[in-house]
């Protein structure tokens, strides 16, 4: 378990000491952690863009063909709005966006050597794999080769942060209080 945890939202938020360009400064990281960081950063950014694209496609589909709402169960066959389904859809989309932003913040904190962010990303990945297995077992998801490949890739993406050199760097950055990039000081408070 990490020896230091963020004490406020300000300490949990990623820092950009030299502006947004700090996101691209990874020379201080070992290669294992650097590869994992870039995979997660690009993946999170693409997932957020995909979320907005999905929302736009759904809105466009509803405007062009209102029967889309009937197919999704948000509107009954006779035109009555099923508010429970609408609220469930909105809540699901908002939850997905929040989780993507949390993953992006944790990914950006990895660049600073935050061991809690590494543990958080690992926990989110394992929870999503368990959730996928539950959906498959319940018959709500096909659980085919695509799900298996996504689950394996998710584990491999997290594994970069637990390889020996990356693990040593995270532990040293957190436990010894090594100064963070940008002069935020030691990890211990």
C-alpha atoms as a PDB file:
ATOM      1  CA  UNK A   1       0.000   0.000   0.000  1.00  0.00           C
ATOM      2  CA  UNK A   2       1.234   3.505  -0.731  1.00  0.00           C
ATOM      3  CA  UNK A   3       2.737   5.283   2.248  1.00  0.00           C
ATOM      4  CA  UNK A   4       1.341   8.664   1.249  1.00  0.00           C
ATOM      5  CA  UNK A   5      -2.095   9.524  -0.020  1.00  0.00           C
ATOM      6  CA  UNK A   6      -3.397  12.851  -1.282  1.00  0.00           C
ATOM      7  CA  UNK A   7      -4.779  14.926   1.556  1.00  0.00           C
ATOM      8  CA  UNK A   8      -6.906  17.239  -0.578  1.00  0.00           C
ATOM      9  CA  UNK A   9      -8.132  17.655  -4.118  1.00  0.00           C
ATOM     10  CA  UNK A  10      -5.318  20.132  -4.721  1.00  0.00           C
ATOM     11  CA  UNK A  11      -2.650  17.545  -3.858  1.00  0.00           C
ATOM     12  CA  UNK A  12      -4.438  14.894  -5.946  1.00  0.00           C
ATOM     13  CA  UNK A  13      -4.600  17.107  -9.021  1.00  0.00           C
ATOM     14  CA  UNK A  14      -1.725  16.823 -11.474  1.00  0.00           C
ATOM     15  CA  UNK A  15       0.758  19.680 -11.515  1.00  0.00           C
ATOM     16  CA  UNK A  16       1.970  21.510 -14.581  1.00  0.00           C
ATOM     17  CA  UNK A  17       5.007  23.457 -13.313  1.00  0.00           C
ATOM     18  CA  UNK A  18       6.107  24.598 -16.765  1.00  0.00           C
ATOM     19  CA  UNK A  19       2.667  24.806 -18.328  1.00  0.00           C
ATOM     20  CA  UNK A  20       0.854  22.164 -20.323  1.00  0.00           C
ATOM     21  CA  UNK A  21       4.159  21.119 -21.922  1.00  0.00           C
ATOM     22  CA  UNK A  22       5.036  19.414 -18.618  1.00  0.00           C
ATOM     23  CA  UNK A  23       2.738  16.569 -19.655  1.00  0.00           C
ATOM     24  CA  UNK A  24       5.314  15.574 -22.268  1.00  0.00           C
ATOM     25  CA  UNK A  25       8.354  15.675 -19.950  1.00  0.00           C
ATOM     26  CA  UNK A  26       9.039  12.048 -19.029  1.00  0.00           C
ATOM     27  CA  UNK A  27      12.841  11.821 -19.144  1.00  0.00           C
ATOM     28  CA  UNK A  28      12.978  11.382 -15.336  1.00  0.00           C
ATOM     29  CA  UNK A  29      10.880   8.193 -15.526  1.00  0.00           C
ATOM     30  CA  UNK A  30      12.287   4.706 -16.111  1.00  0.00           C
ATOM     31  CA  UNK A  31      11.469   3.288 -19.532  1.00  0.00           C
ATOM     32  CA  UNK A  32       8.870   0.813 -18.193  1.00  0.00           C
ATOM     33  CA  UNK A  33       6.885   3.551 -16.467  1.00  0.00           C
ATOM     34  CA  UNK A  34       7.343   5.902 -19.418  1.00  0.00           C
ATOM     35  CA  UNK A  35       5.868   3.366 -21.866  1.00  0.00           C
ATOM     36  CA  UNK A  36       2.928   2.713 -19.546  1.00  0.00           C
ATOM     37  CA  UNK A  37       2.398   6.443 -19.028  1.00  0.00           C
ATOM     38  CA  UNK A  38       2.222   7.167 -22.743  1.00  0.00           C
ATOM     39  CA  UNK A  39      -0.110   4.243 -23.417  1.00  0.00           C
ATOM     40  CA  UNK A  40      -2.452   5.360 -20.642  1.00  0.00           C
ATOM     41  CA  UNK A  41      -2.258   9.045 -21.596  1.00  0.00           C
ATOM     42  CA  UNK A  42      -3.088   8.435 -25.262  1.00  0.00           C
ATOM     43  CA  UNK A  43      -5.717   5.842 -24.319  1.00  0.00           C
ATOM     44  CA  UNK A  44      -7.451   8.200 -21.866  1.00  0.00           C
ATOM     45  CA  UNK A  45      -7.409  11.094 -24.315  1.00  0.00           C
ATOM     46  CA  UNK A  46      -8.841   8.928 -27.099  1.00  0.00           C
ATOM     47  CA  UNK A  47     -11.479   7.486 -24.764  1.00  0.00           C
ATOM     48  CA  UNK A  48     -12.654  10.979 -23.772  1.00  0.00           C
ATOM     49  CA  UNK A  49     -12.822  12.040 -27.431  1.00  0.00           C
ATOM     50  CA  UNK A  50     -14.744   8.816 -28.175  1.00  0.00           C
ATOM     51  CA  UNK A  51     -17.182   9.605 -25.355  1.00  0.00           C
ATOM     52  CA  UNK A  52     -18.032  12.969 -26.918  1.00  0.00           C
ATOM     53  CA  UNK A  53     -18.252  11.376 -30.366  1.00  0.00           C
ATOM     54  CA  UNK A  54     -20.627   8.690 -29.022  1.00  0.00           C
ATOM     55  CA  UNK A  55     -22.818  11.329 -27.434  1.00  0.00           C
ATOM     56  CA  UNK A  56     -22.925  13.284 -30.699  1.00  0.00           C
ATOM     57  CA  UNK A  57     -23.793  10.155 -32.712  1.00  0.00           C
ATOM     58  CA  UNK A  58     -26.591   9.269 -30.297  1.00  0.00           C
ATOM     59  CA  UNK A  59     -28.000  12.815 -30.381  1.00  0.00           C
ATOM     60  CA  UNK A  60     -27.753  12.892 -34.182  1.00  0.00           C
ATOM     61  CA  UNK A  61     -29.426   9.486 -34.434  1.00  0.00           C
ATOM     62  CA  UNK A  62     -32.316  10.613 -32.244  1.00  0.00           C
ATOM     63  CA  UNK A  63     -32.794  13.786 -34.307  1.00  0.00           C
ATOM     64  CA  UNK A  64     -32.735  11.921 -37.628  1.00  0.00           C
ATOM     65  CA  UNK A  65     -34.682   8.854 -36.502  1.00  0.00           C
ATOM     66  CA  UNK A  66     -36.750   9.265 -33.332  1.00  0.00           C
ATOM     67  CA  UNK A  67     -37.513   5.528 -33.419  1.00  0.00           C
ATOM     68  CA  UNK A  68     -34.011   5.103 -31.995  1.00  0.00           C
ATOM     69  CA  UNK A  69     -35.535   6.042 -28.649  1.00  0.00           C
ATOM     70  CA  UNK A  70     -38.049   3.214 -29.000  1.00  0.00           C
ATOM     71  CA  UNK A  71     -35.275   0.751 -29.852  1.00  0.00           C
ATOM     72  CA  UNK A  72     -33.295   1.743 -26.761  1.00  0.00           C
ATOM     73  CA  UNK A  73     -36.360   1.512 -24.523  1.00  0.00           C
ATOM     74  CA  UNK A  74     -36.399   5.210 -23.626  1.00  0.00           C
ATOM     75  CA  UNK A  75     -39.762   5.686 -25.318  1.00  0.00           C
ATOM     76  CA  UNK A  76     -42.583   3.174 -25.340  1.00  0.00           C
ATOM     77  CA  UNK A  77     -44.197   1.930 -28.543  1.00  0.00           C
ATOM     78  CA  UNK A  78     -47.140   4.292 -28.047  1.00  0.00           C
ATOM     79  CA  UNK A  79     -44.944   7.338 -27.434  1.00  0.00           C
ATOM     80  CA  UNK A  80     -44.758   7.504 -23.648  1.00  0.00           C
ATOM     81  CA  UNK A  81     -41.356   8.565 -22.341  1.00  0.00           C
ATOM     82  CA  UNK A  82     -39.818   6.035 -19.965  1.00  0.00           C
ATOM     83  CA  UNK A  83     -38.037   8.438 -17.621  1.00  0.00           C
ATOM     84  CA  UNK A  84     -36.314   5.666 -15.703  1.00  0.00           C
ATOM     85  CA  UNK A  85     -34.504   4.526 -18.841  1.00  0.00           C
ATOM     86  CA  UNK A  86     -33.644   8.103 -19.800  1.00  0.00           C
ATOM     87  CA  UNK A  87     -32.229   8.806 -16.329  1.00  0.00           C
ATOM     88  CA  UNK A  88     -30.321   5.510 -16.370  1.00  0.00           C
ATOM     89  CA  UNK A  89     -28.777   6.400 -19.734  1.00  0.00           C
ATOM     90  CA  UNK A  90     -27.798   9.915 -18.591  1.00  0.00           C
ATOM     91  CA  UNK A  91     -26.377   8.598 -15.300  1.00  0.00           C
ATOM     92  CA  UNK A  92     -24.391   5.920 -17.115  1.00  0.00           C
ATOM     93  CA  UNK A  93     -22.920   8.406 -19.590  1.00  0.00           C
ATOM     94  CA  UNK A  94     -22.005  10.865 -16.822  1.00  0.00           C
ATOM     95  CA  UNK A  95     -20.454   8.102 -14.704  1.00  0.00           C
ATOM     96  CA  UNK A  96     -18.381   6.973 -17.701  1.00  0.00           C
ATOM     97  CA  UNK A  97     -17.132  10.529 -18.269  1.00  0.00           C
ATOM     98  CA  UNK A  98     -16.244  10.983 -14.595  1.00  0.00           C
ATOM     99  CA  UNK A  99     -14.316   7.696 -14.587  1.00  0.00           C
ATOM    100  CA  UNK A 100     -12.429   8.700 -17.743  1.00  0.00           C
ATOM    101  CA  UNK A 101     -11.443  12.036 -16.196  1.00  0.00           C
ATOM    102  CA  UNK A 102     -10.352  10.296 -12.957  1.00  0.00           C
ATOM    103  CA  UNK A 103      -8.225   7.894 -15.009  1.00  0.00           C
ATOM    104  CA  UNK A 104      -6.696  10.828 -16.886  1.00  0.00           C
ATOM    105  CA  UNK A 105      -5.860  12.636 -13.618  1.00  0.00           C
ATOM    106  CA  UNK A 106      -4.284   9.492 -12.162  1.00  0.00           C
ATOM    107  CA  UNK A 107      -2.304   8.968 -15.355  1.00  0.00           C
ATOM    108  CA  UNK A 108      -0.959  12.516 -15.161  1.00  0.00           C
ATOM    109  CA  UNK A 109      -0.012  11.961 -11.500  1.00  0.00           C
ATOM    110  CA  UNK A 110       1.991   8.874 -12.530  1.00  0.00           C
ATOM    111  CA  UNK A 111       4.459  11.218 -14.206  1.00  0.00           C
ATOM    112  CA  UNK A 112       5.115  12.665 -10.751  1.00  0.00           C
ATOM    113  CA  UNK A 113       5.792   9.232  -9.240  1.00  0.00           C
ATOM    114  CA  UNK A 114       2.549   9.070  -7.238  1.00  0.00           C
ATOM    115  CA  UNK A 115       2.307   5.502  -6.023  1.00  0.00           C
ATOM    116  CA  UNK A 116      -1.347   5.984  -5.017  1.00  0.00           C
ATOM    117  CA  UNK A 117      -2.186   6.806  -8.640  1.00  0.00           C
ATOM    118  CA  UNK A 118      -0.569   3.559  -9.778  1.00  0.00           C
ATOM    119  CA  UNK A 119      -2.605   1.621  -7.222  1.00  0.00           C
ATOM    120  CA  UNK A 120      -5.761   3.508  -8.214  1.00  0.00           C
ATOM    121  CA  UNK A 121      -5.349   2.720 -11.904  1.00  0.00           C
ATOM    122  CA  UNK A 122      -4.709  -0.912 -11.058  1.00  0.00           C
ATOM    123  CA  UNK A 123      -7.855  -1.052  -8.893  1.00  0.00           C
ATOM    124  CA  UNK A 124      -9.994   0.582 -11.591  1.00  0.00           C
ATOM    125  CA  UNK A 125      -8.640  -1.844 -14.194  1.00  0.00           C
ATOM    126  CA  UNK A 126      -9.303  -4.887 -12.017  1.00  0.00           C
ATOM    127  CA  UNK A 127     -12.809  -3.611 -11.160  1.00  0.00           C
ATOM    128  CA  UNK A 128     -13.633  -3.124 -14.834  1.00  0.00           C
ATOM    129  CA  UNK A 129     -12.443  -6.659 -15.630  1.00  0.00           C
ATOM    130  CA  UNK A 130     -14.590  -8.100 -12.830  1.00  0.00           C
ATOM    131  CA  UNK A 131     -17.540  -5.997 -14.063  1.00  0.00           C
ATOM    132  CA  UNK A 132     -17.032  -7.346 -17.594  1.00  0.00           C
ATOM    133  CA  UNK A 133     -16.998 -10.910 -16.262  1.00  0.00           C
ATOM    134  CA  UNK A 134     -20.197 -10.285 -14.275  1.00  0.00           C
ATOM    135  CA  UNK A 135     -21.949  -8.830 -17.348  1.00  0.00           C
ATOM    136  CA  UNK A 136     -20.868 -11.841 -19.394  1.00  0.00           C
ATOM    137  CA  UNK A 137     -22.032 -14.303 -16.735  1.00  0.00           C
ATOM    138  CA  UNK A 138     -25.394 -12.519 -16.476  1.00  0.00           C
ATOM    139  CA  UNK A 139     -25.825 -12.700 -20.255  1.00  0.00           C
ATOM    140  CA  UNK A 140     -25.846  -8.912 -20.658  1.00  0.00           C
ATOM    141  CA  UNK A 141     -22.651  -8.896 -22.710  1.00  0.00           C
ATOM    142  CA  UNK A 142     -21.477 -11.376 -25.319  1.00  0.00           C
ATOM    143  CA  UNK A 143     -18.140 -11.977 -23.591  1.00  0.00           C
ATOM    144  CA  UNK A 144     -16.570 -13.056 -26.830  1.00  0.00           C
ATOM    145  CA  UNK A 145     -13.001 -12.772 -28.008  1.00  0.00           C
ATOM    146  CA  UNK A 146     -13.211  -8.976 -27.953  1.00  0.00           C
ATOM    147  CA  UNK A 147     -13.856  -8.856 -24.214  1.00  0.00           C
ATOM    148  CA  UNK A 148     -11.047 -11.304 -23.527  1.00  0.00           C
ATOM    149  CA  UNK A 149      -8.607  -9.261 -25.644  1.00  0.00           C
ATOM    150  CA  UNK A 150      -9.640  -5.992 -23.954  1.00  0.00           C
ATOM    151  CA  UNK A 151      -9.212  -7.536 -20.502  1.00  0.00           C
ATOM    152  CA  UNK A 152      -5.770  -8.925 -21.347  1.00  0.00           C
ATOM    153  CA  UNK A 153      -4.655  -5.600 -22.854  1.00  0.00           C
ATOM    154  CA  UNK A 154      -5.907  -3.754 -19.774  1.00  0.00           C
ATOM    155  CA  UNK A 155      -3.821  -5.985 -17.518  1.00  0.00           C
ATOM    156  CA  UNK A 156      -0.768  -5.529 -19.742  1.00  0.00           C
ATOM    157  CA  UNK A 157      -1.181  -1.749 -19.684  1.00  0.00           C
ATOM    158  CA  UNK A 158      -1.175  -1.736 -15.882  1.00  0.00           C
ATOM    159  CA  UNK A 159       1.663  -4.263 -15.705  1.00  0.00           C
ATOM    160  CA  UNK A 160       4.133  -1.682 -17.066  1.00  0.00           C
ATOM    161  CA  UNK A 161       3.900   0.188 -13.752  1.00  0.00           C
ATOM    162  CA  UNK A 162       4.641  -2.944 -11.706  1.00  0.00           C
ATOM    163  CA  UNK A 163       7.736  -4.094 -13.596  1.00  0.00           C
ATOM    164  CA  UNK A 164      10.909  -4.064 -11.435  1.00  0.00           C
ATOM    165  CA  UNK A 165      12.471  -0.770 -12.572  1.00  0.00           C
ATOM    166  CA  UNK A 166       9.182   1.108 -12.588  1.00  0.00           C
ATOM    167  CA  UNK A 167       8.205  -0.379  -9.222  1.00  0.00           C
ATOM    168  CA  UNK A 168      11.534   0.681  -7.734  1.00  0.00           C
ATOM    169  CA  UNK A 169      11.077   4.215  -9.093  1.00  0.00           C
ATOM    170  CA  UNK A 170       7.557   4.543  -7.670  1.00  0.00           C
ATOM    171  CA  UNK A 171       8.638   3.259  -4.273  1.00  0.00           C
ATOM    172  CA  UNK A 172      11.712   5.512  -4.211  1.00  0.00           C
ATOM    173  CA  UNK A 173       9.686   8.560  -5.330  1.00  0.00           C
ATOM    174  CA  UNK A 174       7.055   8.019  -2.655  1.00  0.00           C
ATOM    175  CA  UNK A 175       8.881   6.496   0.302  1.00  0.00           C
ATOM    176  CA  UNK A 176      12.097   8.515   0.232  1.00  0.00           C
ATOM    177  CA  UNK A 177      10.295  11.772  -0.420  1.00  0.00           C
ATOM    178  CA  UNK A 178      12.139  12.446  -3.652  1.00  0.00           C
ATOM    179  CA  UNK A 179      11.235  15.913  -4.927  1.00  0.00           C
ATOM    180  CA  UNK A 180       8.625  15.864  -7.657  1.00  0.00           C
ATOM    181  CA  UNK A 181       9.178  17.421 -11.058  1.00  0.00           C
ATOM    182  CA  UNK A 182       8.316  21.091 -10.771  1.00  0.00           C
ATOM    183  CA  UNK A 183       9.507  21.545  -7.212  1.00  0.00           C
ATOM    184  CA  UNK A 184       6.385  20.483  -5.310  1.00  0.00           C
ATOM    185  CA  UNK A 185       8.602  19.025  -2.613  1.00  0.00           C
ATOM    186  CA  UNK A 186       8.697  15.642  -0.972  1.00  0.00           C
ATOM    187  CA  UNK A 187       5.862  13.162  -1.207  1.00  0.00           C
ATOM    188  CA  UNK A 188       5.374  12.966   2.562  1.00  0.00           C
ATOM    189  CA  UNK A 189       3.349  15.676   4.208  1.00  0.00           C
END
